[in-house]
Structure formats: structure tokens, C-alpha cells
Amino acid sequence: MQRITTVGFDADDTLWHNESIFRLTQDRFRALMAEHAAPEALDARLAEVERRNLALYGYGVKGFTLSMIETAMELTGDRAPGRLVAELLAAGREMLSHPVETLPGAAEAFAALAGDYRLVLITKGDLLHQEQKLAASGLGEHFAAVEIVSEKNASTYERVFARYGTGAAQAAMVGNSLRSDVIPALEAGCYAAHVPYELTWAHELAEPPRGHPRFAELASLADLPAWLRALS
């Protein structure tokens, strides 16, 4: 077993709350669209539009807001009232300015890891918003590097851990998404720890790679230092 030198962290729903904010906004969208579509039909159409737009807008609040507006236009036959569009834009602005609330165990985990590993933040989403959230979280000083990427795949992890560490084989990736943080990291040759969040966006769902020798599921970030020590 090779010594772990570098640990990568996801940001949204790993270090701070994120999906819960999206869910609250989607509840607001349902209320605004109540006279135009049933909640189930609205959710299905929004999910379809989001998937279609990922390649254009990427991940994050801005793409979500544009997808809500596009969904509203489709379901109203391009006759969405200006008031409705204004409400959706306001909802997006509120999401962008929402206070950052770090998750339990995050600060303690970083304190325990300090000095023993090179820590790298690897996250998807809008560049400016992710930089703002990192600054507001108070966790930025712990990271040797920050990579805000358009997509997470095996080549992403190979590139990042080669640039900031000693290669994927001596790296561990930590995150709440099996699809983005765990499976491609394992494909790159990393270790990977899944720390589930209470809510998961449907696009990030995947089957856990149970039995994989480099995979672990942790109840919280507080369990991370002990897992990394056990690997060494």
C-alpha cells in the first residue's frame, strides 16, 4: 500500500450545505407554477431541461435559474408572465447570496489533517460563486490548491493530483457524490471516501462500489482522519 500524500475534497454538500438550498428554491418554483403544472410534471420537466443544459451552462445556481426560466416558458407556451420571470431571477439572486453554513466535523477534520497531508479542493460549479463560498466558509486557508472544474472524471483527478500531489495512486478523494467524487476517482487510481449528505441531486446518484479495496463510506467528515491513518 502506498502512503497517502494528498487529499482532495469536494465542496458543495461535503464541506457546506448546498442541495437543501436548491430544494427550497424548487419548492418556491412549484408554488409559482401551481396554475400551470402539477408538481410531479414540473419536477420532471425541470430535470430534463437541467440535463439538456449542463453542457451549455455547467453546474451551479446560474444554470439552475436559467433552467427554471426555460422550463416555465415551455410549460406556459412561451407566455410566462414577466412577474414570474422576475420572481425566478430574484430566487436565483437569493441563492447566490445565501449564507454559507459548514457541515459538522469539517473544521475538526481539517485541524486533525493539518501538516500530514496536502489538501486540495476539487469542485464543480460557477467560478465566482464557488470562490465566494470558499472565502465565506473560513476553510480556504487549509488548501494548498483550489480547482474549480467543469466536470469531474478520471482524467480530472489524474491531472489535479499529478499537478498538486504525487499522483493519483497516493491520493484520496472525499465527497458526497458517488457519481462525481468517488467512481471517477477510483477509476483514476485514487482512494475514495463517500460522505453522504441528507439530500442528493438525481444527476449525482450512482451505485456504491461496495467491495472495492480503495473505497470507504464514512458517516461524517469526523471519521476521515482515522480512515486515512488506517490506510498508512
Protein backbone atom coordinates (compact mmCIF):
# COMPACT_ATOMS: atom_id res chain seq x y z
CA MET A 1 0.00 0.00 0.00
CA GLN A 2 1.37 3.40 -0.99
CA ARG A 3 1.43 6.26 1.51
CA ILE A 4 -1.32 8.86 1.04
CA THR A 5 0.23 12.29 0.47
CA THR A 6 -2.67 14.30 -0.94
CA VAL A 7 -6.36 14.53 -0.04
CA GLY A 8 -8.94 16.06 -2.37
CA PHE A 9 -12.20 17.48 -1.08
CA ASP A 10 -15.44 18.22 -2.83
CA ALA A 11 -17.12 21.44 -1.66
CA ASP A 12 -20.92 21.55 -2.02
CA ASP A 13 -22.69 19.17 0.41
CA THR A 14 -19.31 17.89 1.58
CA LEU A 15 -17.97 20.97 3.35
CA TRP A 16 -21.13 23.13 3.42
CA HIS A 17 -24.86 22.89 2.77
CA ASN A 18 -25.93 23.30 -0.86
CA GLU A 19 -28.58 20.90 -2.14
CA SER A 20 -31.01 21.92 0.60
CA ILE A 21 -30.93 25.47 -0.80
CA PHE A 22 -31.76 24.15 -4.28
CA ARG A 23 -34.64 22.11 -2.87
CA LEU A 24 -36.13 25.13 -1.09
CA THR A 25 -35.94 27.13 -4.32
CA GLN A 26 -37.55 24.29 -6.25
CA ASP A 27 -40.41 24.30 -3.71
CA ARG A 28 -40.82 28.01 -4.44
CA PHE A 29 -40.81 27.25 -8.18
CA ARG A 30 -43.62 24.73 -7.70
CA ALA A 31 -45.70 27.32 -5.87
CA LEU A 32 -45.12 29.94 -8.58
CA MET A 33 -46.06 27.44 -11.30
CA ALA A 34 -49.02 25.86 -9.50
CA GLU A 35 -51.59 27.10 -12.01
CA HIS A 36 -49.53 25.90 -14.97
CA ALA A 37 -48.25 22.42 -14.00
CA ALA A 38 -48.64 19.72 -11.35
CA PRO A 39 -45.58 19.39 -9.07
CA GLU A 40 -44.55 15.99 -10.48
CA ALA A 41 -44.77 17.18 -14.08
CA LEU A 42 -42.88 20.35 -13.25
CA ASP A 43 -40.09 18.44 -11.50
CA ALA A 44 -39.73 16.04 -14.42
CA ARG A 45 -39.59 18.83 -16.99
CA LEU A 46 -37.08 20.84 -14.92
CA ALA A 47 -34.84 17.78 -14.54
CA GLU A 48 -34.98 17.22 -18.31
CA VAL A 49 -34.12 20.85 -19.04
CA GLU A 50 -31.27 20.84 -16.50
CA ARG A 51 -29.72 17.74 -18.09
CA ARG A 52 -30.04 19.30 -21.52
CA ASN A 53 -28.38 22.50 -20.37
CA LEU A 54 -25.46 21.08 -18.40
CA ALA A 55 -23.18 21.12 -21.43
CA LEU A 56 -24.07 24.79 -22.04
CA TYR A 57 -24.36 26.31 -18.58
CA GLY A 58 -22.42 23.86 -16.42
CA TYR A 59 -23.25 23.31 -12.76
CA GLY A 60 -24.43 25.85 -10.25
CA VAL A 61 -27.08 28.41 -9.37
CA LYS A 62 -26.93 30.42 -12.60
CA GLY A 63 -27.57 27.38 -14.78
CA PHE A 64 -30.34 26.25 -12.43
CA THR A 65 -32.02 29.67 -12.60
CA LEU A 66 -31.87 29.74 -16.40
CA SER A 67 -33.28 26.21 -16.49
CA MET A 68 -36.21 27.24 -14.27
CA ILE A 69 -36.98 30.14 -16.60
CA GLU A 70 -36.74 27.89 -19.66
CA THR A 71 -39.00 25.30 -18.01
CA ALA A 72 -41.54 27.99 -17.17
CA MET A 73 -41.50 29.20 -20.79
CA GLU A 74 -42.02 25.69 -22.14
CA LEU A 75 -44.90 24.91 -19.78
CA THR A 76 -46.67 28.21 -20.47
CA GLY A 77 -46.27 28.03 -24.24
CA ASP A 78 -43.75 30.91 -24.18
CA ARG A 79 -46.27 33.09 -22.34
CA ALA A 80 -44.74 33.17 -18.87
CA PRO A 81 -45.72 36.45 -17.17
CA GLY A 82 -42.94 38.96 -16.62
CA ARG A 83 -43.76 38.85 -12.91
CA LEU A 84 -42.99 35.12 -12.85
CA VAL A 85 -39.65 35.55 -14.62
CA ALA A 86 -38.77 38.35 -12.19
CA GLU A 87 -39.58 36.06 -9.24
CA LEU A 88 -37.33 33.33 -10.61
CA LEU A 89 -34.47 35.77 -11.14
CA ALA A 90 -34.95 37.00 -7.56
CA ALA A 91 -34.86 33.42 -6.32
CA GLY A 92 -31.57 32.87 -8.12
CA ARG A 93 -30.07 36.01 -6.59
CA GLU A 94 -31.15 34.87 -3.14
CA MET A 95 -29.44 31.52 -3.69
CA LEU A 96 -26.23 33.27 -4.70
CA SER A 97 -26.26 35.40 -1.55
CA HIS A 98 -27.36 32.63 0.84
CA PRO A 99 -25.11 32.38 3.93
CA VAL A 100 -22.56 29.56 3.87
CA GLU A 101 -23.09 27.02 6.65
CA THR A 102 -20.30 24.47 7.06
CA LEU A 103 -21.17 20.88 7.83
CA PRO A 104 -20.46 19.23 11.19
CA GLY A 105 -16.97 17.79 11.50
CA ALA A 106 -15.39 19.86 8.73
CA ALA A 107 -13.29 22.19 10.88
CA GLU A 108 -12.26 19.35 13.19
CA ALA A 109 -11.21 17.15 10.27
CA PHE A 110 -9.01 19.87 8.81
CA ALA A 111 -7.41 20.52 12.19
CA ALA A 112 -6.58 16.81 12.51
CA LEU A 113 -5.17 16.59 8.97
CA ALA A 114 -3.07 19.76 9.13
CA GLY A 115 0.59 19.14 8.47
CA ASP A 116 0.17 15.49 7.48
CA TYR A 117 -1.35 15.82 4.00
CA ARG A 118 -1.51 18.26 1.11
CA LEU A 119 -5.18 19.29 0.86
CA VAL A 120 -6.77 20.24 -2.47
CA LEU A 121 -10.30 21.49 -3.11
CA ILE A 122 -11.79 20.00 -6.28
CA THR A 123 -15.28 21.23 -7.02
CA LYS A 124 -17.72 21.87 -9.86
CA GLY A 125 -19.87 24.94 -10.33
CA ASP A 126 -19.73 28.61 -11.14
CA LEU A 127 -16.22 30.00 -10.62
CA LEU A 128 -17.18 33.25 -8.88
CA HIS A 129 -19.83 31.67 -6.64
CA GLN A 130 -17.56 28.84 -5.53
CA GLU A 131 -14.76 31.29 -4.75
CA GLN A 132 -17.20 33.38 -2.71
CA LYS A 133 -18.46 30.37 -0.77
CA LEU A 134 -14.94 29.17 -0.02
CA ALA A 135 -13.99 32.62 1.29
CA ALA A 136 -17.14 32.80 3.44
CA SER A 137 -16.62 29.29 4.83
CA GLY A 138 -13.36 30.17 6.56
CA LEU A 139 -11.82 26.91 5.31
CA GLY A 140 -9.77 28.33 2.45
CA GLU A 141 -6.54 28.59 4.43
CA HIS A 142 -6.37 24.81 4.73
CA PHE A 143 -5.99 24.20 0.99
CA ALA A 144 -2.72 24.10 -0.90
CA ALA A 145 -4.68 24.44 -4.16
CA VAL A 146 -8.21 25.02 -5.42
CA GLU A 147 -9.51 23.55 -8.70
CA ILE A 148 -12.98 24.62 -9.90
CA VAL A 149 -13.70 22.33 -12.84
CA SER A 150 -16.47 21.95 -15.40
CA GLU A 151 -16.70 18.18 -14.88
CA LYS A 152 -15.20 15.50 -12.67
CA ASN A 153 -13.91 12.42 -14.43
CA ALA A 154 -10.89 10.15 -14.16
CA SER A 155 -8.72 12.46 -16.26
CA THR A 156 -9.63 15.39 -13.98
CA TYR A 157 -8.32 13.54 -10.94
CA GLU A 158 -5.24 12.27 -12.75
CA ARG A 159 -4.39 15.83 -13.82
CA VAL A 160 -5.09 17.51 -10.48
CA PHE A 161 -3.25 15.00 -8.31
CA ALA A 162 -0.29 14.95 -10.69
CA ARG A 163 -0.12 18.75 -10.58
CA TYR A 164 -0.57 19.27 -6.84
CA GLY A 165 0.43 15.94 -5.33
CA THR A 166 2.45 12.84 -6.04
CA GLY A 167 -0.06 11.22 -8.38
CA ALA A 168 -3.47 9.60 -8.11
CA ALA A 169 -2.14 6.40 -6.55
CA GLN A 170 -1.05 8.38 -3.48
CA ALA A 171 -4.21 10.47 -3.26
CA ALA A 172 -7.62 10.15 -1.64
CA MET A 173 -10.78 11.94 -2.78
CA VAL A 174 -13.56 12.80 -0.32
CA GLY A 175 -17.08 13.83 -1.27
CA ASN A 176 -20.82 13.29 -1.08
CA SER A 177 -21.37 12.33 -4.73
CA LEU A 178 -20.76 8.75 -5.81
CA ARG A 179 -21.04 9.77 -9.45
CA SER A 180 -18.59 12.68 -9.32
CA ASP A 181 -16.36 12.26 -6.26
CA VAL A 182 -16.00 8.51 -5.85
CA ILE A 183 -16.35 6.46 -9.02
CA PRO A 184 -14.11 8.56 -11.33
CA ALA A 185 -11.54 8.97 -8.55
CA LEU A 186 -11.34 5.18 -8.19
CA GLU A 187 -11.03 4.88 -11.96
CA ALA A 188 -8.05 7.24 -11.78
CA GLY A 189 -6.39 5.01 -9.18
CA CYS A 190 -7.16 7.10 -6.09
CA TYR A 191 -8.65 6.06 -2.80
CA ALA A 192 -12.14 7.48 -2.33
CA ALA A 193 -14.34 8.14 0.69
CA HIS A 194 -18.07 8.73 0.31
CA VAL A 195 -19.54 11.00 2.99
CA PRO A 196 -23.29 11.02 2.25
CA TYR A 197 -25.37 14.18 2.52
CA GLU A 198 -29.02 14.09 3.55
CA LEU A 199 -30.14 15.10 0.04
CA THR A 200 -28.68 14.15 -3.32
CA TRP A 201 -29.43 15.68 -6.71
CA ALA A 202 -30.73 12.96 -9.04
CA HIS A 203 -27.93 13.68 -11.53
CA GLU A 204 -25.34 12.67 -8.91
CA LEU A 205 -26.86 9.31 -7.97
CA ALA A 206 -24.94 6.08 -8.64
CA GLU A 207 -24.48 2.65 -7.16
CA PRO A 208 -21.77 2.48 -4.49
CA PRO A 209 -18.73 0.40 -5.49
CA ARG A 210 -19.01 -1.91 -2.48
CA GLY A 211 -16.12 -4.29 -2.10
CA HIS A 212 -13.67 -2.04 -3.92
CA PRO A 213 -10.40 -2.16 -1.96
CA ARG A 214 -9.88 1.62 -2.20
CA PHE A 215 -13.44 2.66 -1.30
CA ALA A 216 -14.93 3.57 2.07
CA GLU A 217 -18.21 5.04 3.23
CA LEU A 218 -17.90 7.36 6.21
CA ALA A 219 -20.70 8.65 8.42
CA SER A 220 -19.18 12.13 8.59
CA LEU A 221 -16.01 14.09 7.98
CA ALA A 222 -15.12 13.46 11.62
CA ASP A 223 -14.32 9.86 10.61
CA LEU A 224 -11.93 10.89 7.85
CA PRO A 225 -8.66 11.27 9.83
CA ALA A 226 -8.95 7.78 11.31
CA TRP A 227 -9.62 6.26 7.87
CA LEU A 228 -6.60 7.99 6.37
CA ARG A 229 -4.39 6.90 9.27
CA ALA A 230 -5.55 3.32 8.79
CA LEU A 231 -4.51 3.48 5.11
CA SER A 232 -1.00 4.43 6.18
